[in-house]
């Protein structure tokens, strides 16, 4: 396990260095960049020194990029957190049901709906939801993170946490307003990871339920629910946990589209604005931040899978 963790850490460092080369080349697109006056590798080493000091540069509006990131990055993380939470609470039960009843009407319905929603473009689904729930029914707001009349202080950057920590005179109304603004973008962003979790868990559960130890458990008189909970999910979940990191990186990509549609003040909207104004300092900071989050998510999901999977640990020990 330790050797595997060290290998993953080494891979993370190498990939992160490659990512800094990409972001360094982006900032060099700015004709006024100080790095254009230096030799390539000397400029890159200076760029790395600035990064290690927490200096991501000054954006076109004259403010430090880190200040802007501290405002927009938590908004994206809040959206991704709730989207992934929905993906888990919906995807795990449906994937398990489809796996234990493979070929049944329930499996056919779940698989068909999964394929249909997976095939829908995310922007088209968002437009349909806006037309139905905002324009036609009038239940949910079209855009934004919350009504600006509430004036919620930016303490942690997470709107729900900030309003709960504050002594806002209309705190309950503010919480309700934040949740109403969260519903549509969260549901849209949750579609892709939900369908992927359903497909992965369906195949994994189906494979586990065909094993001999499952049949042995049934002959001992264990009920179907006991077999699924004690043996089925216990052995079906670990192989797909390392793939959760891929779903997080997919969400970060789709978050840019979702934020632009719902005018969500996150890092995706901020990056698109920076691109339109050719603010290359902000663009490189956004690319570096999103890339680092994706790398960390993949490493943590791999380590989590290693920690809870005896079979995986046995295979990694054999590589020593």
C-alpha atoms as a PDB file:
ATOM      1  CA  UNK A   1       0.000   0.000   0.000  1.00  0.00           C
ATOM      2  CA  UNK A   2       2.815   2.406   0.913  1.00  0.00           C
ATOM      3  CA  UNK A   3       4.709   1.652  -2.301  1.00  0.00           C
ATOM      4  CA  UNK A   4       1.539   2.220  -4.331  1.00  0.00           C
ATOM      5  CA  UNK A   5       0.924   5.548  -2.551  1.00  0.00           C
ATOM      6  CA  UNK A   6       4.492   6.667  -3.288  1.00  0.00           C
ATOM      7  CA  UNK A   7       4.075   5.723  -6.945  1.00  0.00           C
ATOM      8  CA  UNK A   8       0.848   7.707  -7.164  1.00  0.00           C
ATOM      9  CA  UNK A   9       2.532  10.679  -5.498  1.00  0.00           C
ATOM     10  CA  UNK A  10       5.404  10.548  -7.992  1.00  0.00           C
ATOM     11  CA  UNK A  11       2.941  10.401 -10.878  1.00  0.00           C
ATOM     12  CA  UNK A  12       1.061  13.365  -9.399  1.00  0.00           C
ATOM     13  CA  UNK A  13       4.232  15.458  -9.186  1.00  0.00           C
ATOM     14  CA  UNK A  14       5.258  14.633 -12.765  1.00  0.00           C
ATOM     15  CA  UNK A  15       1.777  15.374 -14.117  1.00  0.00           C
ATOM     16  CA  UNK A  16       1.594  18.588 -12.109  1.00  0.00           C
ATOM     17  CA  UNK A  17       4.895  19.755 -13.605  1.00  0.00           C
ATOM     18  CA  UNK A  18       3.536  19.068 -17.092  1.00  0.00           C
ATOM     19  CA  UNK A  19       0.429  21.057 -16.138  1.00  0.00           C
ATOM     20  CA  UNK A  20       2.589  23.996 -15.064  1.00  0.00           C
ATOM     21  CA  UNK A  21       4.309  23.896 -18.464  1.00  0.00           C
ATOM     22  CA  UNK A  22       0.897  24.231 -20.118  1.00  0.00           C
ATOM     23  CA  UNK A  23      -0.178  27.097 -17.852  1.00  0.00           C
ATOM     24  CA  UNK A  24       3.214  28.767 -18.328  1.00  0.00           C
ATOM     25  CA  UNK A  25       2.760  28.701 -22.102  1.00  0.00           C
ATOM     26  CA  UNK A  26      -0.707  30.201 -21.672  1.00  0.00           C
ATOM     27  CA  UNK A  27       0.584  33.148 -19.657  1.00  0.00           C
ATOM     28  CA  UNK A  28       3.286  33.699 -22.286  1.00  0.00           C
ATOM     29  CA  UNK A  29       0.505  34.440 -24.798  1.00  0.00           C
ATOM     30  CA  UNK A  30       0.128  37.794 -23.065  1.00  0.00           C
ATOM     31  CA  UNK A  31       2.323  40.203 -25.088  1.00  0.00           C
ATOM     32  CA  UNK A  32       3.047  42.204 -21.912  1.00  0.00           C
ATOM     33  CA  UNK A  33       4.123  39.181 -19.852  1.00  0.00           C
ATOM     34  CA  UNK A  34       7.507  39.496 -18.153  1.00  0.00           C
ATOM     35  CA  UNK A  35       8.214  35.869 -19.095  1.00  0.00           C
ATOM     36  CA  UNK A  36       8.419  36.819 -22.781  1.00  0.00           C
ATOM     37  CA  UNK A  37      11.641  38.681 -22.027  1.00  0.00           C
ATOM     38  CA  UNK A  38      13.370  35.578 -20.628  1.00  0.00           C
ATOM     39  CA  UNK A  39      14.741  32.334 -21.994  1.00  0.00           C
ATOM     40  CA  UNK A  40      12.050  29.626 -21.910  1.00  0.00           C
ATOM     41  CA  UNK A  41      13.382  27.387 -19.126  1.00  0.00           C
ATOM     42  CA  UNK A  42      14.652  30.269 -17.001  1.00  0.00           C
ATOM     43  CA  UNK A  43      11.212  31.844 -17.212  1.00  0.00           C
ATOM     44  CA  UNK A  44       9.563  28.543 -16.297  1.00  0.00           C
ATOM     45  CA  UNK A  45      11.700  28.174 -13.162  1.00  0.00           C
ATOM     46  CA  UNK A  46      10.807  31.722 -12.158  1.00  0.00           C
ATOM     47  CA  UNK A  47       7.154  30.867 -12.805  1.00  0.00           C
ATOM     48  CA  UNK A  48       7.467  27.813 -10.532  1.00  0.00           C
ATOM     49  CA  UNK A  49       9.013  29.950  -7.780  1.00  0.00           C
ATOM     50  CA  UNK A  50       6.073  32.335  -7.984  1.00  0.00           C
ATOM     51  CA  UNK A  51       3.611  29.439  -7.776  1.00  0.00           C
ATOM     52  CA  UNK A  52       5.333  28.039  -4.676  1.00  0.00           C
ATOM     53  CA  UNK A  53       4.960  31.482  -3.086  1.00  0.00           C
ATOM     54  CA  UNK A  54       1.226  31.456  -3.856  1.00  0.00           C
ATOM     55  CA  UNK A  55       1.585  34.157  -6.503  1.00  0.00           C
ATOM     56  CA  UNK A  56      -0.638  33.429  -9.509  1.00  0.00           C
ATOM     57  CA  UNK A  57      -0.215  36.882 -10.995  1.00  0.00           C
ATOM     58  CA  UNK A  58      -2.362  39.972 -11.476  1.00  0.00           C
ATOM     59  CA  UNK A  59      -5.433  39.780 -13.697  1.00  0.00           C
ATOM     60  CA  UNK A  60      -6.467  42.376 -16.272  1.00  0.00           C
ATOM     61  CA  UNK A  61      -8.661  44.191 -13.734  1.00  0.00           C
ATOM     62  CA  UNK A  62      -5.604  44.896 -11.567  1.00  0.00           C
ATOM     63  CA  UNK A  63      -6.529  42.491  -8.745  1.00  0.00           C
ATOM     64  CA  UNK A  64      -4.581  39.417  -7.607  1.00  0.00           C
ATOM     65  CA  UNK A  65      -5.839  36.264  -9.297  1.00  0.00           C
ATOM     66  CA  UNK A  66      -5.882  34.449  -5.954  1.00  0.00           C
ATOM     67  CA  UNK A  67      -8.482  36.925  -4.692  1.00  0.00           C
ATOM     68  CA  UNK A  68     -10.780  36.197  -7.628  1.00  0.00           C
ATOM     69  CA  UNK A  69     -10.248  32.441  -7.252  1.00  0.00           C
ATOM     70  CA  UNK A  70     -11.187  32.588  -3.567  1.00  0.00           C
ATOM     71  CA  UNK A  71     -14.584  33.928  -4.633  1.00  0.00           C
ATOM     72  CA  UNK A  72     -15.410  31.806  -7.693  1.00  0.00           C
ATOM     73  CA  UNK A  73     -13.771  28.453  -6.878  1.00  0.00           C
ATOM     74  CA  UNK A  74     -15.917  27.678  -3.786  1.00  0.00           C
ATOM     75  CA  UNK A  75     -19.047  28.348  -5.853  1.00  0.00           C
ATOM     76  CA  UNK A  76     -18.017  25.652  -8.328  1.00  0.00           C
ATOM     77  CA  UNK A  77     -17.050  23.240  -5.555  1.00  0.00           C
ATOM     78  CA  UNK A  78     -20.420  23.760  -3.870  1.00  0.00           C
ATOM     79  CA  UNK A  79     -22.210  22.954  -7.122  1.00  0.00           C
ATOM     80  CA  UNK A  80     -20.047  19.880  -7.798  1.00  0.00           C
ATOM     81  CA  UNK A  81     -20.440  18.603  -4.225  1.00  0.00           C
ATOM     82  CA  UNK A  82     -24.232  18.546  -4.347  1.00  0.00           C
ATOM     83  CA  UNK A  83     -24.214  17.140  -7.893  1.00  0.00           C
ATOM     84  CA  UNK A  84     -21.923  14.267  -6.877  1.00  0.00           C
ATOM     85  CA  UNK A  85     -23.980  13.647  -3.725  1.00  0.00           C
ATOM     86  CA  UNK A  86     -27.116  13.291  -5.854  1.00  0.00           C
ATOM     87  CA  UNK A  87     -25.224  11.022  -8.259  1.00  0.00           C
ATOM     88  CA  UNK A  88     -24.302   8.705  -5.378  1.00  0.00           C
ATOM     89  CA  UNK A  89     -27.715   8.523  -3.683  1.00  0.00           C
ATOM     90  CA  UNK A  90     -29.453   7.923  -7.023  1.00  0.00           C
ATOM     91  CA  UNK A  91     -26.805   5.937  -8.898  1.00  0.00           C
ATOM     92  CA  UNK A  92     -25.903   3.382  -6.210  1.00  0.00           C
ATOM     93  CA  UNK A  93     -29.459   2.076  -5.527  1.00  0.00           C
ATOM     94  CA  UNK A  94     -30.443   2.035  -9.221  1.00  0.00           C
ATOM     95  CA  UNK A  95     -27.162   0.447 -10.306  1.00  0.00           C
ATOM     96  CA  UNK A  96     -27.486  -2.205  -7.601  1.00  0.00           C
ATOM     97  CA  UNK A  97     -31.091  -2.964  -8.549  1.00  0.00           C
ATOM     98  CA  UNK A  98     -30.194  -3.283 -12.227  1.00  0.00           C
ATOM     99  CA  UNK A  99     -27.228  -5.508 -11.368  1.00  0.00           C
ATOM    100  CA  UNK A 100     -29.067  -7.998  -9.167  1.00  0.00           C
ATOM    101  CA  UNK A 101     -31.988  -8.192 -11.624  1.00  0.00           C
ATOM    102  CA  UNK A 102     -30.047  -8.164 -14.874  1.00  0.00           C
ATOM    103  CA  UNK A 103     -32.276  -8.857 -17.861  1.00  0.00           C
ATOM    104  CA  UNK A 104     -35.470  -8.166 -15.900  1.00  0.00           C
ATOM    105  CA  UNK A 105     -38.001  -5.418 -16.783  1.00  0.00           C
ATOM    106  CA  UNK A 106     -36.529  -3.253 -14.009  1.00  0.00           C
ATOM    107  CA  UNK A 107     -33.051  -3.589 -15.521  1.00  0.00           C
ATOM    108  CA  UNK A 108     -34.355  -2.784 -19.009  1.00  0.00           C
ATOM    109  CA  UNK A 109     -36.174   0.345 -17.786  1.00  0.00           C
ATOM    110  CA  UNK A 110     -33.195   1.592 -15.752  1.00  0.00           C
ATOM    111  CA  UNK A 111     -30.717   0.888 -18.558  1.00  0.00           C
ATOM    112  CA  UNK A 112     -32.954   2.556 -21.160  1.00  0.00           C
ATOM    113  CA  UNK A 113     -33.440   5.706 -19.083  1.00  0.00           C
ATOM    114  CA  UNK A 114     -29.718   5.771 -18.317  1.00  0.00           C
ATOM    115  CA  UNK A 115     -28.809   5.506 -22.001  1.00  0.00           C
ATOM    116  CA  UNK A 116     -31.362   8.165 -22.944  1.00  0.00           C
ATOM    117  CA  UNK A 117     -30.196  10.710 -20.374  1.00  0.00           C
ATOM    118  CA  UNK A 118     -26.535   9.951 -21.094  1.00  0.00           C
ATOM    119  CA  UNK A 119     -27.128  10.690 -24.789  1.00  0.00           C
ATOM    120  CA  UNK A 120     -28.741  14.081 -24.133  1.00  0.00           C
ATOM    121  CA  UNK A 121     -26.470  17.123 -24.559  1.00  0.00           C
ATOM    122  CA  UNK A 122     -26.108  18.874 -21.230  1.00  0.00           C
ATOM    123  CA  UNK A 123     -27.003  22.301 -22.631  1.00  0.00           C
ATOM    124  CA  UNK A 124     -30.198  20.919 -24.197  1.00  0.00           C
ATOM    125  CA  UNK A 125     -31.259  19.369 -20.897  1.00  0.00           C
ATOM    126  CA  UNK A 126     -30.563  22.648 -19.093  1.00  0.00           C
ATOM    127  CA  UNK A 127     -32.660  24.613 -21.590  1.00  0.00           C
ATOM    128  CA  UNK A 128     -35.559  22.161 -21.197  1.00  0.00           C
ATOM    129  CA  UNK A 129     -35.450  22.492 -17.407  1.00  0.00           C
ATOM    130  CA  UNK A 130     -35.370  26.290 -17.612  1.00  0.00           C
ATOM    131  CA  UNK A 131     -38.360  26.314 -19.970  1.00  0.00           C
ATOM    132  CA  UNK A 132     -40.356  23.941 -17.754  1.00  0.00           C
ATOM    133  CA  UNK A 133     -39.516  24.887 -14.168  1.00  0.00           C
ATOM    134  CA  UNK A 134     -38.722  28.589 -14.611  1.00  0.00           C
ATOM    135  CA  UNK A 135     -40.600  29.991 -17.589  1.00  0.00           C
ATOM    136  CA  UNK A 136     -43.681  27.733 -17.629  1.00  0.00           C
ATOM    137  CA  UNK A 137     -44.235  26.702 -13.992  1.00  0.00           C
ATOM    138  CA  UNK A 138     -42.352  29.583 -12.363  1.00  0.00           C
ATOM    139  CA  UNK A 139     -41.072  27.374  -9.548  1.00  0.00           C
ATOM    140  CA  UNK A 140     -37.332  27.999  -9.760  1.00  0.00           C
ATOM    141  CA  UNK A 141     -35.123  31.015 -10.585  1.00  0.00           C
ATOM    142  CA  UNK A 142     -33.442  31.058 -13.979  1.00  0.00           C
ATOM    143  CA  UNK A 143     -29.950  32.183 -13.026  1.00  0.00           C
ATOM    144  CA  UNK A 144     -27.619  33.272 -10.263  1.00  0.00           C
ATOM    145  CA  UNK A 145     -26.535  31.782  -6.971  1.00  0.00           C
ATOM    146  CA  UNK A 146     -28.969  33.624  -4.709  1.00  0.00           C
ATOM    147  CA  UNK A 147     -30.985  36.823  -4.599  1.00  0.00           C
ATOM    148  CA  UNK A 148     -28.482  39.644  -4.111  1.00  0.00           C
ATOM    149  CA  UNK A 149     -30.955  41.459  -1.840  1.00  0.00           C
ATOM    150  CA  UNK A 150     -29.971  39.055   0.957  1.00  0.00           C
ATOM    151  CA  UNK A 151     -26.366  40.393   1.053  1.00  0.00           C
ATOM    152  CA  UNK A 152     -24.783  37.178   2.343  1.00  0.00           C
ATOM    153  CA  UNK A 153     -21.222  37.738   3.681  1.00  0.00           C
ATOM    154  CA  UNK A 154     -18.467  35.836   1.860  1.00  0.00           C
ATOM    155  CA  UNK A 155     -16.859  34.027   4.811  1.00  0.00           C
ATOM    156  CA  UNK A 156     -15.996  30.581   3.442  1.00  0.00           C
ATOM    157  CA  UNK A 157     -17.159  31.065  -0.143  1.00  0.00           C
ATOM    158  CA  UNK A 158     -19.826  28.362   0.230  1.00  0.00           C
ATOM    159  CA  UNK A 159     -23.161  30.182   0.212  1.00  0.00           C
ATOM    160  CA  UNK A 160     -25.089  27.691   2.368  1.00  0.00           C
ATOM    161  CA  UNK A 161     -22.324  27.576   4.969  1.00  0.00           C
ATOM    162  CA  UNK A 162     -21.913  31.355   4.972  1.00  0.00           C
ATOM    163  CA  UNK A 163     -25.595  32.040   5.549  1.00  0.00           C
ATOM    164  CA  UNK A 164     -25.751  29.441   8.344  1.00  0.00           C
ATOM    165  CA  UNK A 165     -22.739  31.023  10.068  1.00  0.00           C
ATOM    166  CA  UNK A 166     -24.132  34.544   9.757  1.00  0.00           C
ATOM    167  CA  UNK A 167     -26.678  36.294  11.941  1.00  0.00           C
ATOM    168  CA  UNK A 168     -28.760  37.269   8.942  1.00  0.00           C
ATOM    169  CA  UNK A 169     -32.218  38.502  10.013  1.00  0.00           C
ATOM    170  CA  UNK A 170     -33.792  36.526   7.149  1.00  0.00           C
ATOM    171  CA  UNK A 171     -31.593  33.451   7.384  1.00  0.00           C
ATOM    172  CA  UNK A 172     -34.336  30.882   6.754  1.00  0.00           C
ATOM    173  CA  UNK A 173     -35.553  32.743   3.680  1.00  0.00           C
ATOM    174  CA  UNK A 174     -31.964  33.068   2.447  1.00  0.00           C
ATOM    175  CA  UNK A 175     -31.347  29.316   2.865  1.00  0.00           C
ATOM    176  CA  UNK A 176     -34.530  28.559   0.941  1.00  0.00           C
ATOM    177  CA  UNK A 177     -33.506  30.966  -1.822  1.00  0.00           C
ATOM    178  CA  UNK A 178     -30.028  29.405  -2.113  1.00  0.00           C
ATOM    179  CA  UNK A 179     -31.510  25.906  -2.343  1.00  0.00           C
ATOM    180  CA  UNK A 180     -33.979  27.024  -5.031  1.00  0.00           C
ATOM    181  CA  UNK A 181     -31.094  28.468  -7.056  1.00  0.00           C
ATOM    182  CA  UNK A 182     -29.090  25.248  -6.571  1.00  0.00           C
ATOM    183  CA  UNK A 183     -31.722  22.773  -7.742  1.00  0.00           C
ATOM    184  CA  UNK A 184     -31.595  23.127 -11.533  1.00  0.00           C
ATOM    185  CA  UNK A 185     -27.828  23.491 -12.097  1.00  0.00           C
ATOM    186  CA  UNK A 186     -27.179  20.693  -9.603  1.00  0.00           C
ATOM    187  CA  UNK A 187     -29.590  18.309 -11.324  1.00  0.00           C
ATOM    188  CA  UNK A 188     -28.154  19.109 -14.755  1.00  0.00           C
ATOM    189  CA  UNK A 189     -24.588  18.608 -13.545  1.00  0.00           C
ATOM    190  CA  UNK A 190     -25.515  15.371 -11.734  1.00  0.00           C
ATOM    191  CA  UNK A 191     -26.834  13.624 -14.857  1.00  0.00           C
ATOM    192  CA  UNK A 192     -23.484  12.505 -16.315  1.00  0.00           C
ATOM    193  CA  UNK A 193     -21.951  11.037 -13.114  1.00  0.00           C
ATOM    194  CA  UNK A 194     -25.286   9.443 -12.155  1.00  0.00           C
ATOM    195  CA  UNK A 195     -25.602   7.551 -15.430  1.00  0.00           C
ATOM    196  CA  UNK A 196     -21.958   6.487 -15.297  1.00  0.00           C
ATOM    197  CA  UNK A 197     -22.250   5.212 -11.706  1.00  0.00           C
ATOM    198  CA  UNK A 198     -25.377   3.257 -12.646  1.00  0.00           C
ATOM    199  CA  UNK A 199     -23.591   1.580 -15.570  1.00  0.00           C
ATOM    200  CA  UNK A 200     -20.430   0.815 -13.596  1.00  0.00           C
ATOM    201  CA  UNK A 201     -22.258  -0.553 -10.557  1.00  0.00           C
ATOM    202  CA  UNK A 202     -24.696  -2.562 -12.674  1.00  0.00           C
ATOM    203  CA  UNK A 203     -21.843  -4.443 -14.336  1.00  0.00           C
ATOM    204  CA  UNK A 204     -19.908  -4.833 -11.079  1.00  0.00           C
ATOM    205  CA  UNK A 205     -22.900  -6.093  -9.065  1.00  0.00           C
ATOM    206  CA  UNK A 206     -23.918  -8.456 -11.860  1.00  0.00           C
ATOM    207  CA  UNK A 207     -20.415  -9.946 -11.909  1.00  0.00           C
ATOM    208  CA  UNK A 208     -20.277 -10.305  -8.113  1.00  0.00           C
ATOM    209  CA  UNK A 209     -23.732 -11.911  -7.869  1.00  0.00           C
ATOM    210  CA  UNK A 210     -22.622 -14.671 -10.252  1.00  0.00           C
ATOM    211  CA  UNK A 211     -19.710 -15.711  -8.023  1.00  0.00           C
ATOM    212  CA  UNK A 212     -19.688 -19.010  -6.113  1.00  0.00           C
ATOM    213  CA  UNK A 213     -19.508 -17.405  -2.657  1.00  0.00           C
ATOM    214  CA  UNK A 214     -22.810 -15.635  -3.368  1.00  0.00           C
ATOM    215  CA  UNK A 215     -24.394 -18.968  -4.241  1.00  0.00           C
ATOM    216  CA  UNK A 216     -22.916 -20.458  -1.070  1.00  0.00           C
ATOM    217  CA  UNK A 217     -24.423 -17.639   0.998  1.00  0.00           C
ATOM    218  CA  UNK A 218     -27.825 -18.350  -0.549  1.00  0.00           C
ATOM    219  CA  UNK A 219     -27.599 -22.045   0.359  1.00  0.00           C
ATOM    220  CA  UNK A 220     -26.930 -21.049   3.977  1.00  0.00           C
ATOM    221  CA  UNK A 221     -30.368 -19.457   4.122  1.00  0.00           C
ATOM    222  CA  UNK A 222     -29.412 -15.785   3.900  1.00  0.00           C
ATOM    223  CA  UNK A 223     -32.110 -13.544   2.482  1.00  0.00           C
ATOM    224  CA  UNK A 224     -31.639 -11.673  -0.795  1.00  0.00           C
ATOM    225  CA  UNK A 225     -31.210  -8.347   1.007  1.00  0.00           C
ATOM    226  CA  UNK A 226     -28.622  -9.826   3.396  1.00  0.00           C
ATOM    227  CA  UNK A 227     -26.650 -11.289   0.494  1.00  0.00           C
ATOM    228  CA  UNK A 228     -26.677  -7.980  -1.367  1.00  0.00           C
ATOM    229  CA  UNK A 229     -25.707  -5.857   1.643  1.00  0.00           C
ATOM    230  CA  UNK A 230     -23.168  -8.242   3.236  1.00  0.00           C
ATOM    231  CA  UNK A 231     -21.507  -9.649   0.144  1.00  0.00           C
ATOM    232  CA  UNK A 232     -22.797  -7.957  -3.005  1.00  0.00           C
ATOM    233  CA  UNK A 233     -22.140  -4.257  -2.426  1.00  0.00           C
ATOM    234  CA  UNK A 234     -19.150  -4.986  -0.205  1.00  0.00           C
ATOM    235  CA  UNK A 235     -17.359  -6.573  -3.158  1.00  0.00           C
ATOM    236  CA  UNK A 236     -18.940  -4.590  -6.009  1.00  0.00           C
ATOM    237  CA  UNK A 237     -18.145  -1.061  -4.792  1.00  0.00           C
ATOM    238  CA  UNK A 238     -14.324  -1.213  -4.321  1.00  0.00           C
ATOM    239  CA  UNK A 239     -13.501  -1.861  -8.016  1.00  0.00           C
ATOM    240  CA  UNK A 240     -15.453   1.215  -9.152  1.00  0.00           C
ATOM    241  CA  UNK A 241     -14.272   3.650  -6.454  1.00  0.00           C
ATOM    242  CA  UNK A 242     -11.034   4.498  -8.342  1.00  0.00           C
ATOM    243  CA  UNK A 243     -13.236   5.499 -11.289  1.00  0.00           C
ATOM    244  CA  UNK A 244     -14.969   8.164  -9.184  1.00  0.00           C
ATOM    245  CA  UNK A 245     -12.012  10.439  -9.864  1.00  0.00           C
ATOM    246  CA  UNK A 246     -12.834  10.318 -13.572  1.00  0.00           C
ATOM    247  CA  UNK A 247     -16.413  11.335 -12.787  1.00  0.00           C
ATOM    248  CA  UNK A 248     -15.187  14.322 -10.797  1.00  0.00           C
ATOM    249  CA  UNK A 249     -13.027  15.460 -13.720  1.00  0.00           C
ATOM    250  CA  UNK A 250     -16.046  15.038 -16.010  1.00  0.00           C
ATOM    251  CA  UNK A 251     -18.108  17.166 -13.648  1.00  0.00           C
ATOM    252  CA  UNK A 252     -15.478  19.899 -13.633  1.00  0.00           C
ATOM    253  CA  UNK A 253     -15.691  19.986 -17.438  1.00  0.00           C
ATOM    254  CA  UNK A 254     -19.485  20.037 -17.529  1.00  0.00           C
ATOM    255  CA  UNK A 255     -19.530  22.641 -14.747  1.00  0.00           C
ATOM    256  CA  UNK A 256     -18.154  25.216 -17.197  1.00  0.00           C
ATOM    257  CA  UNK A 257     -21.134  24.646 -19.520  1.00  0.00           C
ATOM    258  CA  UNK A 258     -23.628  24.512 -16.650  1.00  0.00           C
ATOM    259  CA  UNK A 259     -22.342  27.711 -15.073  1.00  0.00           C
ATOM    260  CA  UNK A 260     -22.489  29.601 -18.354  1.00  0.00           C
ATOM    261  CA  UNK A 261     -26.121  28.547 -18.932  1.00  0.00           C
ATOM    262  CA  UNK A 262     -27.355  29.338 -15.419  1.00  0.00           C
ATOM    263  CA  UNK A 263     -25.056  32.351 -14.955  1.00  0.00           C
ATOM    264  CA  UNK A 264     -23.553  30.635 -11.917  1.00  0.00           C
ATOM    265  CA  UNK A 265     -20.669  32.750 -10.537  1.00  0.00           C
ATOM    266  CA  UNK A 266     -18.128  29.925 -10.493  1.00  0.00           C
ATOM    267  CA  UNK A 267     -14.750  29.261 -12.005  1.00  0.00           C
ATOM    268  CA  UNK A 268     -16.286  28.181 -15.323  1.00  0.00           C
ATOM    269  CA  UNK A 269     -18.050  31.504 -15.884  1.00  0.00           C
ATOM    270  CA  UNK A 270     -14.931  33.316 -14.693  1.00  0.00           C
ATOM    271  CA  UNK A 271     -12.735  31.402 -17.158  1.00  0.00           C
ATOM    272  CA  UNK A 272     -15.056  32.125 -20.084  1.00  0.00           C
ATOM    273  CA  UNK A 273     -15.057  35.827 -19.205  1.00  0.00           C
ATOM    274  CA  UNK A 274     -11.255  35.775 -18.975  1.00  0.00           C
ATOM    275  CA  UNK A 275     -11.028  34.137 -22.399  1.00  0.00           C
ATOM    276  CA  UNK A 276     -13.346  36.712 -23.955  1.00  0.00           C
ATOM    277  CA  UNK A 277     -11.171  39.551 -22.593  1.00  0.00           C
ATOM    278  CA  UNK A 278      -7.920  37.680 -23.417  1.00  0.00           C
ATOM    279  CA  UNK A 279      -6.901  37.813 -19.757  1.00  0.00           C
ATOM    280  CA  UNK A 280      -4.252  35.103 -20.066  1.00  0.00           C
ATOM    281  CA  UNK A 281      -3.061  35.459 -16.474  1.00  0.00           C
ATOM    282  CA  UNK A 282      -6.537  34.559 -15.219  1.00  0.00           C
ATOM    283  CA  UNK A 283      -6.857  31.767 -17.792  1.00  0.00           C
ATOM    284  CA  UNK A 284      -3.607  30.083 -16.732  1.00  0.00           C
ATOM    285  CA  UNK A 285      -4.618  30.309 -13.079  1.00  0.00           C
ATOM    286  CA  UNK A 286      -7.995  28.743 -13.827  1.00  0.00           C
ATOM    287  CA  UNK A 287      -6.473  25.944 -15.900  1.00  0.00           C
ATOM    288  CA  UNK A 288      -3.896  25.240 -13.199  1.00  0.00           C
ATOM    289  CA  UNK A 289      -6.535  25.196 -10.453  1.00  0.00           C
ATOM    290  CA  UNK A 290      -8.990  22.947 -12.271  1.00  0.00           C
ATOM    291  CA  UNK A 291      -6.206  20.616 -13.405  1.00  0.00           C
ATOM    292  CA  UNK A 292      -4.842  20.309  -9.867  1.00  0.00           C
ATOM    293  CA  UNK A 293      -8.292  19.462  -8.494  1.00  0.00           C
ATOM    294  CA  UNK A 294      -8.746  16.761 -11.133  1.00  0.00           C
ATOM    295  CA  UNK A 295      -5.333  15.253 -10.339  1.00  0.00           C
ATOM    296  CA  UNK A 296      -6.024  15.253  -6.592  1.00  0.00           C
ATOM    297  CA  UNK A 297      -9.460  13.701  -7.092  1.00  0.00           C
ATOM    298  CA  UNK A 298      -7.968  10.859  -9.126  1.00  0.00           C
ATOM    299  CA  UNK A 299      -5.230  10.205  -6.566  1.00  0.00           C
ATOM    300  CA  UNK A 300      -7.608  10.199  -3.588  1.00  0.00           C
ATOM    301  CA  UNK A 301     -10.067   7.899  -5.367  1.00  0.00           C
ATOM    302  CA  UNK A 302      -7.234   5.499  -6.250  1.00  0.00           C
ATOM    303  CA  UNK A 303      -5.949   5.496  -2.666  1.00  0.00           C
ATOM    304  CA  UNK A 304      -9.474   5.007  -1.298  1.00  0.00           C
ATOM    305  CA  UNK A 305      -9.957   2.032  -3.588  1.00  0.00           C
ATOM    306  CA  UNK A 306      -6.629   0.609  -2.449  1.00  0.00           C
ATOM    307  CA  UNK A 307      -7.475   1.068   1.217  1.00  0.00           C
ATOM    308  CA  UNK A 308     -10.775  -0.834   1.123  1.00  0.00           C
ATOM    309  CA  UNK A 309     -10.026  -3.493  -1.493  1.00  0.00           C
ATOM    310  CA  UNK A 310      -8.150  -6.562  -0.179  1.00  0.00           C
ATOM    311  CA  UNK A 311      -7.767  -7.938  -3.715  1.00  0.00           C
ATOM    312  CA  UNK A 312      -6.215  -4.712  -4.959  1.00  0.00           C
ATOM    313  CA  UNK A 313      -3.851  -4.628  -1.983  1.00  0.00           C
ATOM    314  CA  UNK A 314      -2.779  -8.200  -2.746  1.00  0.00           C
ATOM    315  CA  UNK A 315      -2.025  -7.270  -6.361  1.00  0.00           C
ATOM    316  CA  UNK A 316      -0.036  -4.183  -5.342  1.00  0.00           C
ATOM    317  CA  UNK A 317       1.947  -6.124  -2.757  1.00  0.00           C
ATOM    318  CA  UNK A 318       2.947  -8.523  -5.545  1.00  0.00           C
ATOM    319  CA  UNK A 319       4.531  -5.593  -7.388  1.00  0.00           C
ATOM    320  CA  UNK A 320       6.986  -4.854  -4.589  1.00  0.00           C
END
